[in-house]
Amino acid sequence: MPQLNPAPWFAILVFSWLIFLTIIPPKVLAHTFPNDPAPQSTETPKTEPWNWPWH
């Protein structure tokens, strides 16, 4: 049963993970976001209760 021989599949697994862990993360981390989040003000807006016309 040739599918039980781990030699070629283990090498493919190791090399593919080496590629994933060395090439792809710098490419992903190099992306920049066009809109940086602005800090929100700590002042809470004044809320008023609703005036229900039927209540």
C-alpha atoms as a PDB file:
ATOM      1  CA  MET A   1       0.000   0.000   0.000  1.00  0.00           C
ATOM      2  CA  PRO A   2       2.016   3.009  -1.210  1.00  0.00           C
ATOM      3  CA  GLN A   3      -0.163   5.586   0.537  1.00  0.00           C
ATOM      4  CA  LEU A   4       1.179   4.423   3.904  1.00  0.00           C
ATOM      5  CA  ASN A   5       4.739   5.427   2.989  1.00  0.00           C
ATOM      6  CA  PRO A   6       5.211   8.801   4.763  1.00  0.00           C
ATOM      7  CA  ALA A   7       8.473   9.765   3.082  1.00  0.00           C
ATOM      8  CA  PRO A   8       7.270  11.881   0.103  1.00  0.00           C
ATOM      9  CA  TRP A   9       4.205  13.285   1.866  1.00  0.00           C
ATOM     10  CA  PHE A  10       6.113  14.344   4.958  1.00  0.00           C
ATOM     11  CA  ALA A  11       8.667  16.199   2.841  1.00  0.00           C
ATOM     12  CA  ILE A  12       5.890  17.950   0.910  1.00  0.00           C
ATOM     13  CA  LEU A  13       4.223  18.911   4.192  1.00  0.00           C
ATOM     14  CA  VAL A  14       7.439  20.292   5.686  1.00  0.00           C
ATOM     15  CA  PHE A  15       8.390  22.288   2.589  1.00  0.00           C
ATOM     16  CA  SER A  16       4.909  23.726   2.169  1.00  0.00           C
ATOM     17  CA  TRP A  17       4.874  24.872   5.804  1.00  0.00           C
ATOM     18  CA  LEU A  18       8.314  26.389   5.408  1.00  0.00           C
ATOM     19  CA  ILE A  19       7.015  28.367   2.447  1.00  0.00           C
ATOM     20  CA  PHE A  20       3.908  29.407   4.348  1.00  0.00           C
ATOM     21  CA  LEU A  21       5.877  30.520   7.395  1.00  0.00           C
ATOM     22  CA  THR A  22       8.717  32.339   5.632  1.00  0.00           C
ATOM     23  CA  ILE A  23       7.244  33.955   2.517  1.00  0.00           C
ATOM     24  CA  ILE A  24       3.598  34.669   3.198  1.00  0.00           C
ATOM     25  CA  PRO A  25       3.636  36.436   6.648  1.00  0.00           C
ATOM     26  CA  PRO A  26       5.903  39.330   5.556  1.00  0.00           C
ATOM     27  CA  LYS A  27       3.702  39.866   2.511  1.00  0.00           C
ATOM     28  CA  VAL A  28       0.574  39.945   4.648  1.00  0.00           C
ATOM     29  CA  LEU A  29       2.110  42.187   7.308  1.00  0.00           C
ATOM     30  CA  ALA A  30       3.322  44.661   4.676  1.00  0.00           C
ATOM     31  CA  HIS A  31      -0.250  45.724   3.883  1.00  0.00           C
ATOM     32  CA  THR A  32      -1.279  49.099   5.208  1.00  0.00           C
ATOM     33  CA  PHE A  33      -4.728  50.273   6.132  1.00  0.00           C
ATOM     34  CA  PRO A  34      -5.852  53.449   4.348  1.00  0.00           C
ATOM     35  CA  ASN A  35      -7.961  54.775   7.222  1.00  0.00           C
ATOM     36  CA  ASP A  36      -6.279  54.757  10.605  1.00  0.00           C
ATOM     37  CA  PRO A  37      -8.775  54.820  13.461  1.00  0.00           C
ATOM     38  CA  ALA A  38      -9.109  58.170  15.204  1.00  0.00           C
ATOM     39  CA  PRO A  39      -9.353  58.267  19.003  1.00  0.00           C
ATOM     40  CA  GLN A  40     -12.884  58.728  20.263  1.00  0.00           C
ATOM     41  CA  SER A  41     -13.724  61.508  22.668  1.00  0.00           C
ATOM     42  CA  THR A  42     -14.355  60.512  26.270  1.00  0.00           C
ATOM     43  CA  GLU A  43     -17.287  62.927  26.516  1.00  0.00           C
ATOM     44  CA  THR A  44     -20.590  61.072  26.504  1.00  0.00           C
ATOM     45  CA  PRO A  45     -23.397  62.659  24.500  1.00  0.00           C
ATOM     46  CA  LYS A  46     -26.423  63.888  26.421  1.00  0.00           C
ATOM     47  CA  THR A  47     -29.380  61.627  25.836  1.00  0.00           C
ATOM     48  CA  GLU A  48     -33.003  62.587  26.323  1.00  0.00           C
ATOM     49  CA  PRO A  49     -35.891  60.212  26.982  1.00  0.00           C
ATOM     50  CA  TRP A  50     -38.300  59.526  24.185  1.00  0.00           C
ATOM     51  CA  ASN A  51     -41.657  61.221  24.358  1.00  0.00           C
ATOM     52  CA  TRP A  52     -44.123  58.613  23.144  1.00  0.00           C
ATOM     53  CA  PRO A  53     -47.282  60.280  21.828  1.00  0.00           C
ATOM     54  CA  TRP A  54     -49.538  57.377  22.878  1.00  0.00           C
ATOM     55  CA  HIS A  55     -48.239  56.987  26.414  1.00  0.00           C
END
